[in-house]
N, C-alpha and C. Protein backbone atom coordinates (compact mmCIF):
# COMPACT_ATOMS: atom_id res chain seq x y z
N MET A 1 0.82 -1.19 0.00
CA MET A 1 0.00 0.00 0.00
C MET A 1 0.86 1.26 0.00
N SER A 2 1.90 1.26 0.81
CA SER A 2 2.78 2.43 0.88
C SER A 2 3.46 2.68 -0.46
N LYS A 3 3.88 1.61 -1.11
CA LYS A 3 4.54 1.75 -2.42
C LYS A 3 3.58 2.34 -3.45
N GLN A 4 2.32 1.88 -3.43
CA GLN A 4 1.32 2.42 -4.37
C GLN A 4 1.07 3.90 -4.10
N ALA A 5 0.99 4.27 -2.83
CA ALA A 5 0.73 5.67 -2.49
C ALA A 5 1.90 6.56 -2.90
N GLU A 6 3.12 6.10 -2.66
CA GLU A 6 4.30 6.87 -3.06
C GLU A 6 4.39 7.00 -4.57
N GLU A 7 4.06 5.94 -5.30
CA GLU A 7 4.07 5.99 -6.76
C GLU A 7 3.01 6.97 -7.27
N ALA A 8 1.83 6.96 -6.67
CA ALA A 8 0.78 7.91 -7.07
C ALA A 8 1.23 9.34 -6.82
N CYS A 9 1.87 9.57 -5.70
CA CYS A 9 2.39 10.90 -5.38
C CYS A 9 3.40 11.35 -6.44
N GLU A 10 4.32 10.50 -6.79
CA GLU A 10 5.33 10.85 -7.80
C GLU A 10 4.68 11.16 -9.14
N ARG A 11 3.66 10.39 -9.49
CA ARG A 11 2.97 10.64 -10.77
C ARG A 11 2.25 11.99 -10.76
N VAL A 12 1.62 12.32 -9.64
CA VAL A 12 0.94 13.62 -9.53
C VAL A 12 1.97 14.74 -9.62
N LYS A 13 3.07 14.61 -8.91
CA LYS A 13 4.09 15.67 -8.91
C LYS A 13 4.73 15.85 -10.28
N SER A 14 4.83 14.80 -11.07
CA SER A 14 5.50 14.92 -12.37
C SER A 14 4.57 15.27 -13.52
N HIS A 15 3.26 15.20 -13.31
CA HIS A 15 2.31 15.45 -14.40
C HIS A 15 2.08 16.96 -14.54
N ASN A 16 2.14 17.46 -15.78
CA ASN A 16 1.97 18.89 -16.05
C ASN A 16 0.62 19.43 -15.62
N LEU A 17 -0.41 18.61 -15.65
CA LEU A 17 -1.76 19.06 -15.31
C LEU A 17 -1.86 19.59 -13.86
N PHE A 18 -1.02 19.08 -12.97
CA PHE A 18 -1.11 19.44 -11.56
C PHE A 18 -0.10 20.50 -11.13
N LYS A 19 0.66 21.05 -12.06
CA LYS A 19 1.72 21.98 -11.71
C LYS A 19 1.28 23.43 -11.60
N ASP A 20 0.16 23.81 -12.22
CA ASP A 20 -0.21 25.22 -12.30
C ASP A 20 -1.37 25.63 -11.40
N ASN A 21 -2.15 24.69 -10.90
CA ASN A 21 -3.34 25.05 -10.14
C ASN A 21 -3.61 24.07 -9.01
N GLU A 22 -4.49 24.48 -8.11
CA GLU A 22 -5.01 23.53 -7.13
C GLU A 22 -5.77 22.45 -7.89
N PHE A 23 -5.96 21.31 -7.26
CA PHE A 23 -6.68 20.22 -7.92
C PHE A 23 -7.48 19.43 -6.90
N ASN A 24 -8.43 18.67 -7.39
CA ASN A 24 -9.28 17.83 -6.54
C ASN A 24 -8.82 16.38 -6.63
N VAL A 25 -9.03 15.63 -5.56
CA VAL A 25 -8.66 14.23 -5.52
C VAL A 25 -9.88 13.43 -5.08
N VAL A 26 -10.19 12.36 -5.83
CA VAL A 26 -11.32 11.49 -5.52
C VAL A 26 -10.80 10.06 -5.42
N GLY A 27 -11.22 9.34 -4.37
CA GLY A 27 -10.78 7.96 -4.21
C GLY A 27 -11.94 7.06 -3.80
N LEU A 28 -11.95 5.87 -4.35
CA LEU A 28 -12.98 4.89 -4.05
C LEU A 28 -12.33 3.70 -3.34
N SER A 29 -12.86 3.32 -2.19
CA SER A 29 -12.38 2.19 -1.41
C SER A 29 -10.89 2.36 -1.10
N GLN A 30 -10.05 1.41 -1.47
CA GLN A 30 -8.62 1.51 -1.17
C GLN A 30 -8.01 2.74 -1.84
N GLY A 31 -8.54 3.13 -2.98
CA GLY A 31 -8.05 4.33 -3.66
C GLY A 31 -8.22 5.58 -2.81
N GLY A 32 -9.20 5.55 -1.89
CA GLY A 32 -9.39 6.67 -0.97
C GLY A 32 -8.21 6.81 -0.02
N LEU A 33 -7.58 5.69 0.35
CA LEU A 33 -6.40 5.75 1.20
C LEU A 33 -5.23 6.37 0.45
N ILE A 34 -5.12 6.04 -0.83
CA ILE A 34 -4.07 6.64 -1.66
C ILE A 34 -4.35 8.12 -1.85
N ALA A 35 -5.60 8.47 -2.07
CA ALA A 35 -5.98 9.88 -2.22
C ALA A 35 -5.65 10.65 -0.95
N ARG A 36 -5.93 10.06 0.19
CA ARG A 36 -5.63 10.71 1.47
C ARG A 36 -4.12 10.90 1.64
N TYR A 37 -3.35 9.91 1.20
CA TYR A 37 -1.89 10.04 1.26
C TYR A 37 -1.42 11.23 0.43
N ILE A 38 -2.00 11.38 -0.76
CA ILE A 38 -1.63 12.50 -1.62
C ILE A 38 -1.90 13.82 -0.91
N VAL A 39 -3.04 13.92 -0.26
CA VAL A 39 -3.41 15.16 0.44
C VAL A 39 -2.49 15.41 1.63
N GLU A 40 -2.23 14.39 2.43
CA GLU A 40 -1.51 14.57 3.68
C GLU A 40 0.01 14.54 3.54
N SER A 41 0.54 13.79 2.58
CA SER A 41 1.99 13.55 2.58
C SER A 41 2.72 13.92 1.30
N CYS A 42 2.00 14.15 0.24
CA CYS A 42 2.64 14.44 -1.05
C CYS A 42 2.89 15.95 -1.15
N GLU A 43 4.14 16.33 -1.35
CA GLU A 43 4.50 17.74 -1.42
C GLU A 43 4.35 18.24 -2.85
N THR A 44 3.11 18.62 -3.20
CA THR A 44 2.82 19.14 -4.53
C THR A 44 3.03 20.65 -4.54
N LYS A 45 3.20 21.21 -5.74
CA LYS A 45 3.44 22.65 -5.86
C LYS A 45 2.24 23.44 -5.34
N HIS A 46 1.03 22.98 -5.64
CA HIS A 46 -0.20 23.63 -5.19
C HIS A 46 -0.97 22.64 -4.31
N PRO A 47 -1.73 23.16 -3.36
CA PRO A 47 -2.47 22.25 -2.47
C PRO A 47 -3.67 21.60 -3.16
N VAL A 48 -4.09 20.51 -2.58
CA VAL A 48 -5.32 19.86 -3.03
C VAL A 48 -6.48 20.71 -2.54
N ARG A 49 -7.42 20.99 -3.42
CA ARG A 49 -8.56 21.84 -3.06
C ARG A 49 -9.63 21.04 -2.32
N ASN A 50 -9.98 19.88 -2.84
CA ASN A 50 -11.01 19.03 -2.23
C ASN A 50 -10.57 17.57 -2.26
N LEU A 51 -10.95 16.85 -1.22
CA LEU A 51 -10.73 15.41 -1.16
C LEU A 51 -12.08 14.75 -0.96
N VAL A 52 -12.40 13.79 -1.82
CA VAL A 52 -13.64 13.03 -1.70
C VAL A 52 -13.26 11.55 -1.64
N THR A 53 -13.71 10.87 -0.59
CA THR A 53 -13.50 9.43 -0.50
C THR A 53 -14.85 8.75 -0.35
N VAL A 54 -14.99 7.61 -0.99
CA VAL A 54 -16.24 6.85 -0.95
C VAL A 54 -15.92 5.41 -0.55
N GLY A 55 -16.50 4.95 0.54
CA GLY A 55 -16.28 3.58 0.98
C GLY A 55 -14.85 3.31 1.37
N THR A 56 -14.18 4.30 1.92
CA THR A 56 -12.77 4.17 2.28
C THR A 56 -12.64 3.85 3.76
N PRO A 57 -11.84 2.85 4.10
CA PRO A 57 -11.66 2.49 5.51
C PRO A 57 -10.64 3.41 6.19
N ASN A 58 -10.98 4.69 6.34
CA ASN A 58 -10.06 5.67 6.92
C ASN A 58 -9.65 5.34 8.35
N ASN A 59 -10.53 4.72 9.10
CA ASN A 59 -10.21 4.35 10.48
C ASN A 59 -9.92 2.87 10.62
N GLY A 60 -9.72 2.19 9.52
CA GLY A 60 -9.48 0.76 9.56
C GLY A 60 -10.79 -0.01 9.61
N VAL A 61 -10.68 -1.32 9.68
CA VAL A 61 -11.86 -2.18 9.73
C VAL A 61 -11.69 -3.11 10.92
N ASP A 62 -12.63 -3.07 11.83
CA ASP A 62 -12.54 -3.98 12.98
C ASP A 62 -13.85 -4.72 13.24
N TYR A 63 -14.84 -4.48 12.41
CA TYR A 63 -16.13 -5.14 12.60
C TYR A 63 -16.74 -5.42 11.24
N GLU A 64 -17.20 -6.61 11.05
CA GLU A 64 -17.86 -6.98 9.81
C GLU A 64 -19.30 -7.36 10.13
N GLU A 65 -20.24 -6.60 9.59
CA GLU A 65 -21.64 -6.85 9.84
C GLU A 65 -22.10 -8.05 9.02
N ARG A 66 -22.84 -8.94 9.63
CA ARG A 66 -23.35 -10.10 8.90
C ARG A 66 -24.50 -9.68 8.00
N CYS A 67 -24.63 -10.36 6.90
CA CYS A 67 -25.68 -10.07 5.95
C CYS A 67 -27.03 -10.27 6.63
N GLY A 68 -27.92 -9.31 6.46
CA GLY A 68 -29.25 -9.42 7.04
C GLY A 68 -29.38 -8.80 8.41
N GLU A 69 -28.25 -8.40 9.00
CA GLU A 69 -28.29 -7.72 10.28
C GLU A 69 -28.06 -6.24 10.05
N GLY A 70 -28.56 -5.46 10.93
CA GLY A 70 -28.36 -4.02 10.81
C GLY A 70 -29.09 -3.31 11.91
N ILE A 71 -29.22 -2.01 11.79
CA ILE A 71 -29.85 -1.20 12.82
C ILE A 71 -31.29 -1.65 13.04
N ALA A 72 -32.01 -1.95 11.98
CA ALA A 72 -33.41 -2.35 12.10
C ALA A 72 -33.56 -3.67 12.86
N ASN A 73 -32.53 -4.52 12.84
CA ASN A 73 -32.62 -5.83 13.48
C ASN A 73 -32.02 -5.86 14.88
N LEU A 74 -31.56 -4.74 15.38
CA LEU A 74 -30.95 -4.73 16.71
C LEU A 74 -32.00 -4.81 17.73
């Protein structure tokens, strides 16, 4: 995971599209962790304007809900 995040950071830093302006980062699931790495640890010329993550385990995963259980069944 760390290698993927560092590689993504290097690609963002070297791409001309990200050199002149702020930019937005969107990540889905594990990609959200990479997106968060870009925001928090990647030293880009301009800051990230917005970060959007969907279904990203930002706080880790320590509980798996069984199928058919949920708030309504508690």
